[in-house]
Protein backbone atom coordinates (compact mmCIF):
# COMPACT_ATOMS: atom_id res chain seq x y z
CA MET A 1 40.90 -55.65 46.00
CA VAL A 2 44.03 -55.22 43.97
CA ASP A 3 42.44 -57.27 41.20
CA LEU A 4 39.24 -55.24 41.40
CA LEU A 5 40.99 -51.90 40.98
CA SER A 6 43.53 -53.11 38.44
CA PHE A 7 41.03 -54.70 36.11
CA THR A 8 37.51 -53.43 36.80
CA VAL A 9 38.26 -49.72 36.62
CA PRO A 10 40.28 -49.82 33.34
CA VAL A 11 37.56 -51.97 31.74
CA MET A 12 34.84 -49.53 32.83
CA LEU A 13 36.85 -46.55 31.59
CA SER A 14 37.60 -48.18 28.26
CA THR A 15 33.92 -49.06 27.88
CA PHE A 16 32.61 -45.58 28.70
CA ARG A 17 35.51 -43.34 27.70
CA ARG A 18 33.73 -41.88 24.67
CA SER A 19 30.18 -41.43 26.04
CA ARG A 20 29.45 -37.98 27.44
CA ALA A 21 26.24 -39.23 29.03
CA THR A 22 28.12 -41.71 31.20
CA ALA A 23 30.60 -39.27 32.72
CA ALA A 24 28.70 -39.15 36.01
CA MET A 25 28.38 -42.93 36.10
CA ILE A 26 32.15 -43.27 35.71
CA ALA A 27 32.80 -40.79 38.49
CA PHE A 28 30.47 -42.40 41.01
CA SER A 29 31.60 -45.94 40.15
CA THR A 30 35.24 -44.98 40.46
CA ILE A 31 34.69 -43.21 43.79
CA GLY A 32 32.94 -46.27 45.16
CA LEU A 33 35.76 -48.58 44.15
CA VAL A 34 38.46 -46.29 45.48
CA GLY A 35 36.57 -45.91 48.74
CA SER A 36 36.42 -49.68 49.10
CA ALA A 37 40.13 -49.88 48.42
CA GLY A 38 40.79 -47.44 51.23
CA ALA A 39 39.16 -49.78 53.69
CA PHE A 40 41.71 -52.44 52.84
CA GLY A 41 44.77 -50.26 52.32
CA ALA A 42 46.07 -48.21 49.43
CA CYS A 43 46.40 -49.88 46.03
CA SER A 44 48.55 -48.65 43.14
CA ASP A 45 47.90 -49.17 39.44
CA GLY A 46 50.82 -47.11 38.19
CA GLU A 47 48.87 -43.89 37.68
CA PRO A 48 50.83 -40.65 37.88
CA PRO A 49 51.40 -38.95 41.22
CA ALA A 50 49.03 -36.02 41.73
CA THR A 51 51.77 -33.83 43.20
CA SER A 52 55.45 -33.95 43.98
CA ASP A 53 54.50 -34.38 47.65
CA THR A 54 52.53 -37.49 46.74
CA ALA A 55 55.51 -38.85 44.87
CA SER A 56 57.73 -38.20 47.87
CA ALA A 57 55.36 -40.05 50.17
CA ALA A 58 55.16 -42.98 47.77
CA THR A 59 58.91 -43.45 47.78
CA ALA A 60 59.72 -42.45 51.35
CA GLY A 61 61.73 -45.11 53.11
CA THR A 62 61.94 -47.35 50.05
CA GLY A 63 65.20 -46.08 48.62
CA ALA A 64 63.58 -45.86 45.17
CA PRO A 65 64.37 -42.64 43.30
CA ARG A 66 61.45 -40.31 42.78
CA THR A 67 60.33 -39.81 39.18
CA PRO A 68 61.15 -36.21 38.20
CA GLY A 69 58.16 -33.89 38.08
CA PHE A 70 57.57 -30.86 35.88
CA THR A 71 55.02 -28.10 35.86
CA PHE A 72 54.40 -25.50 33.19
CA GLU A 73 54.45 -21.88 32.20
CA VAL A 74 51.91 -20.63 29.66
CA VAL A 75 53.78 -18.82 26.88
CA ALA A 76 50.68 -18.00 24.85
CA GLU A 77 47.06 -19.05 24.52
CA TYR A 78 44.96 -19.31 21.39
CA PRO A 79 41.30 -19.95 20.57
CA HIS A 80 40.30 -23.56 19.97
CA ASP A 81 37.07 -25.03 18.58
CA ALA A 82 35.08 -25.85 21.72
CA GLY A 83 33.07 -28.37 19.72
CA ALA A 84 36.15 -30.37 18.72
CA PHE A 85 36.37 -33.72 20.52
CA THR A 86 40.15 -33.66 20.13
CA GLN A 87 41.87 -37.01 19.62
CA GLY A 88 45.15 -36.02 18.01
CA LEU A 89 47.21 -32.89 17.45
CA LEU A 90 50.41 -32.38 15.46
CA TRP A 91 52.62 -29.91 13.62
CA HIS A 92 53.91 -30.74 10.16
CA GLU A 93 55.85 -28.39 7.91
CA GLY A 94 54.61 -25.35 9.80
CA ARG A 95 50.96 -26.43 9.67
CA LEU A 96 48.78 -27.52 12.58
CA PHE A 97 46.62 -30.63 12.17
CA GLU A 98 43.97 -32.09 14.45
CA SER A 99 41.74 -35.14 14.54
CA THR A 100 38.37 -35.32 16.29
CA GLY A 101 36.23 -38.17 17.55
CA GLN A 102 32.62 -39.25 18.14
CA VAL A 103 30.64 -41.26 15.60
CA GLY A 104 29.17 -38.93 13.00
CA THR A 105 31.40 -35.97 13.83
CA SER A 106 34.89 -37.46 13.47
CA ASN A 107 37.22 -35.68 11.06
CA ILE A 108 40.76 -34.67 10.28
CA ARG A 109 41.40 -30.96 9.87
CA GLU A 110 44.03 -28.32 9.34
CA VAL A 111 43.58 -25.33 11.63
CA THR A 112 45.03 -21.86 11.94
CA LEU A 113 46.83 -21.40 15.24
CA ALA A 114 46.12 -17.70 15.72
CA SER A 115 42.37 -17.90 15.10
CA GLY A 116 41.53 -21.54 15.74
CA LYS A 117 39.63 -21.54 12.44
CA VAL A 118 39.42 -24.69 10.33
CA VAL A 119 41.26 -24.27 7.03
CA ARG A 120 40.05 -27.57 5.59
CA GLN A 121 38.70 -30.86 6.86
CA GLN A 122 37.86 -34.38 5.79
CA ASP A 123 34.99 -36.09 7.57
CA LEU A 124 35.12 -39.74 8.62
CA GLU A 125 32.03 -41.71 7.74
CA GLU A 126 29.93 -43.66 10.23
CA PRO A 127 30.26 -45.98 12.04
CA HIS A 128 33.91 -45.06 12.59
CA PHE A 129 35.12 -43.14 15.62
CA GLY A 130 38.28 -41.20 14.77
CA GLU A 131 41.32 -41.29 17.03
CA GLY A 132 45.00 -40.30 16.74
CA ILE A 133 46.80 -39.09 13.62
CA VAL A 134 50.39 -38.80 12.44
CA ILE A 135 52.19 -37.91 9.21
CA ILE A 136 55.12 -39.78 7.65
CA GLY A 137 56.33 -38.64 4.26
CA PRO A 138 53.32 -37.90 2.02
CA THR A 139 50.91 -39.92 4.15
CA LEU A 140 48.62 -38.93 7.01
CA TYR A 141 47.53 -41.92 9.11
CA GLN A 142 44.30 -41.92 11.12
CA ILE A 143 43.32 -44.72 13.48
CA THR A 144 39.87 -45.55 14.85
CA TRP A 145 38.71 -46.50 18.32
CA GLN A 146 36.88 -49.81 17.87
CA SER A 147 36.55 -50.32 14.12
CA GLY A 148 39.93 -52.02 13.83
CA LYS A 149 40.73 -49.82 10.82
CA ALA A 150 43.39 -47.26 10.03
CA PHE A 151 42.91 -44.90 7.09
CA THR A 152 45.59 -43.16 5.03
CA TYR A 153 45.40 -39.83 3.23
CA ASP A 154 47.56 -37.57 1.12
CA TRP A 155 48.25 -34.98 3.81
CA LYS A 156 48.37 -32.12 1.30
CA THR A 157 44.91 -32.81 -0.18
CA PHE A 158 43.20 -35.01 2.45
CA SER A 159 42.34 -37.46 -0.35
CA ARG A 160 42.03 -40.96 1.05
CA THR A 161 44.66 -43.32 -0.32
CA GLY A 162 44.06 -46.59 1.53
CA GLU A 163 43.24 -48.44 4.72
CA PHE A 164 44.65 -51.12 7.03
CA ARG A 165 43.15 -53.49 9.58
CA TYR A 166 44.43 -54.16 13.10
CA ASP A 167 43.29 -56.00 16.23
CA GLY A 168 42.08 -54.25 19.36
CA GLU A 169 41.38 -50.61 20.05
CA GLY A 170 43.17 -47.57 18.68
CA TRP A 171 43.78 -44.50 20.86
CA GLY A 172 46.90 -42.43 20.11
CA LEU A 173 49.45 -42.34 17.31
CA THR A 174 52.91 -40.85 16.77
CA THR A 175 56.18 -41.70 15.01
CA ASP A 176 59.90 -41.81 15.64
CA GLY A 177 60.39 -41.01 11.96
CA THR A 178 60.66 -44.66 10.99
CA SER A 179 57.85 -46.59 12.67
CA LEU A 180 54.32 -45.75 13.68
CA ILE A 181 53.83 -45.89 17.46
CA MET A 182 50.31 -46.62 18.67
CA SER A 183 48.54 -46.70 22.04
CA ASN A 184 45.40 -48.67 22.84
CA GLY A 185 44.49 -47.53 26.36
CA SER A 186 46.66 -50.12 28.08
CA ASN A 187 50.25 -49.75 29.28
CA THR A 188 51.59 -51.15 25.99
CA LEU A 189 52.80 -49.13 23.02
CA ILE A 190 52.91 -50.95 19.68
CA TYR A 191 55.41 -50.12 16.95
CA ARG A 192 53.98 -50.67 13.45
CA ASP A 193 55.32 -50.76 9.91
CA PRO A 194 54.05 -47.68 8.01
CA LYS A 195 53.85 -49.68 4.78
CA THR A 196 51.79 -52.60 6.08
CA PHE A 197 50.63 -51.51 9.57
CA ALA A 198 51.95 -54.85 10.83
CA ALA A 199 53.08 -54.89 14.47
CA GLN A 200 56.87 -54.85 14.75
CA ARG A 201 57.37 -54.84 18.51
CA ALA A 202 55.71 -53.79 21.75
CA VAL A 203 57.01 -51.68 24.63
CA THR A 204 55.54 -51.99 28.13
CA VAL A 205 55.30 -48.67 29.96
CA THR A 206 56.14 -48.71 33.67
CA GLU A 207 57.07 -46.37 36.49
CA ARG A 208 59.28 -47.85 39.21
CA GLY A 209 58.18 -51.28 38.03
CA ASN A 210 54.45 -50.51 38.09
CA PRO A 211 52.40 -50.50 34.87
CA VAL A 212 51.15 -47.11 33.66
CA SER A 213 47.92 -47.64 31.74
CA GLN A 214 45.26 -45.46 30.06
CA LEU A 215 47.92 -44.08 27.70
CA ASN A 216 46.13 -41.96 25.14
CA GLU A 217 47.29 -39.24 22.72
CA LEU A 218 51.00 -39.54 21.86
CA GLU A 219 53.72 -37.20 20.65
CA TRP A 220 57.39 -37.71 19.80
CA VAL A 221 59.39 -34.96 21.53
CA LYS A 222 63.19 -34.83 21.27
CA GLY A 223 63.67 -38.59 21.41
CA GLU A 224 60.96 -39.21 24.01
CA ILE A 225 57.37 -40.36 23.74
CA TRP A 226 54.97 -38.06 25.54
CA ALA A 227 51.60 -39.58 26.42
CA ASN A 228 48.43 -38.11 27.83
CA VAL A 229 46.98 -40.26 30.59
CA TRP A 230 43.25 -40.38 29.99
CA GLN A 231 41.19 -38.36 32.49
CA LYS A 232 44.36 -36.97 34.06
CA ASP A 233 45.90 -33.52 33.63
CA SER A 234 49.20 -35.35 33.31
CA ILE A 235 51.63 -36.21 30.55
CA ALA A 236 54.07 -39.09 30.94
CA ARG A 237 57.56 -38.72 29.46
CA ILE A 238 58.55 -42.19 28.27
CA ASP A 239 61.89 -43.70 27.24
CA PRO A 240 61.00 -45.34 23.89
CA ASN A 241 63.61 -48.07 24.30
CA THR A 242 62.71 -49.29 27.78
CA GLY A 243 59.17 -48.00 28.32
CA THR A 244 60.28 -46.39 31.59
CA VAL A 245 58.47 -43.23 32.64
CA THR A 246 61.29 -40.73 33.12
CA GLY A 247 59.15 -37.77 34.16
CA TRP A 248 55.65 -36.44 34.77
CA ILE A 249 54.33 -33.13 33.44
CA ASP A 250 51.59 -31.82 35.71
CA LEU A 251 49.18 -29.55 33.81
CA THR A 252 46.69 -29.16 36.65
CA GLY A 253 44.84 -25.88 36.36
CA ILE A 254 45.96 -25.00 32.83
CA LEU A 255 42.33 -24.77 31.69
CA PRO A 256 40.43 -22.57 34.18
CA SER A 257 37.48 -24.21 35.91
CA LEU A 258 35.17 -21.57 34.40
CA ASP A 259 36.05 -22.91 30.94
CA ARG A 260 35.25 -26.52 31.82
CA THR A 261 31.89 -28.09 31.03
CA GLY A 262 32.30 -31.42 32.80
CA LYS A 263 31.41 -33.22 29.55
CA GLU A 264 34.60 -35.24 29.06
CA ASP A 265 36.59 -32.04 28.50
CA VAL A 266 39.84 -33.73 29.44
CA LEU A 267 43.41 -32.99 28.40
CA ASN A 268 44.02 -34.74 25.08
CA GLY A 269 46.31 -33.06 22.61
CA ILE A 270 50.09 -32.64 22.38
CA ALA A 271 51.83 -31.06 19.40
CA TYR A 272 55.57 -30.43 19.23
CA ASP A 273 56.95 -28.21 16.48
CA ALA A 274 60.58 -29.27 16.12
CA ALA A 275 61.33 -26.42 13.70
CA THR A 276 60.51 -23.77 16.31
CA ASP A 277 60.93 -25.88 19.48
CA ARG A 278 57.39 -25.09 20.61
CA ILE A 279 54.99 -27.29 22.59
CA HIS A 280 51.22 -26.87 22.28
CA VAL A 281 48.52 -28.66 24.27
CA THR A 282 44.73 -28.70 24.31
CA GLY A 283 41.89 -31.04 25.22
CA LYS A 284 38.53 -32.42 24.18
CA LEU A 285 35.96 -29.63 23.92
CA TRP A 286 38.46 -27.05 25.21
CA PRO A 287 37.91 -23.47 24.05
CA LYS A 288 41.65 -22.79 24.26
CA LEU A 289 44.94 -24.16 22.99
CA TYR A 290 48.13 -23.35 24.89
CA GLU A 291 51.79 -22.97 24.09
CA ILE A 292 53.69 -24.05 27.18
CA ARG A 293 57.22 -24.13 28.56
CA LEU A 294 58.23 -26.78 31.10
CA LYS A 295 59.52 -25.92 34.57
CA ALA A 296 61.05 -28.36 37.03
CA LYS A 297 59.08 -28.85 40.24
């Protein structure tokens, strides 16, 4: 049963993660598998604890320290394009950039925070499915889900300047200022050379020795890597040197249930503005974007 949960569920999720029509299928399949696991005892695949109480129970009697938990305070909320299948979000030189997914509707865009309006955008041609973005120097990098291609643009004009090839899937993208850091839905983050896109090294992400997979959109925040966990209202705070999860940010309830459609409208967007020390988050098909402040649980 451990093998079934550890390998079958991630494969199913990776296969169906971008299809709105299969959301119900994922839910029912996952429930069935989890129910079967319950009959044989609880299994852990390194996913984040739902609450601090859950974390306490998981470590009770083991002597292992509990991973610190954080919740949030909404500082401000802003309108967000509810049709944007958000894949990446970032601040650069006081401007807010976003990438969207889905074949035929993928694009990179600059948006106005106060209004949520698109200032300019560059569409991504079929059959590519856009994923995470990041900017280093004059270059904006955009990865794709299954095409095995990364595209580069002049971030000031959105003119395409080149492309790279890579193996496997592309999910999220960020930078430590020197290397590109890329997720692929597993528990491995890959550091890449911005000039060649060649893999430089890999970091395995774990919590108390257990792998933490389904890592999605990434952001570099004050020397940490923050990662959305796909289909979770959770953000993992990751030590970039060791891959250890040093904290969990629980964003449960940030988007009211009345604003949810059930069509893959999951948390998937983290943008940190170092110049103003502000954190913004949003999700796929969310009608709102939030500025948040962390609070310890």
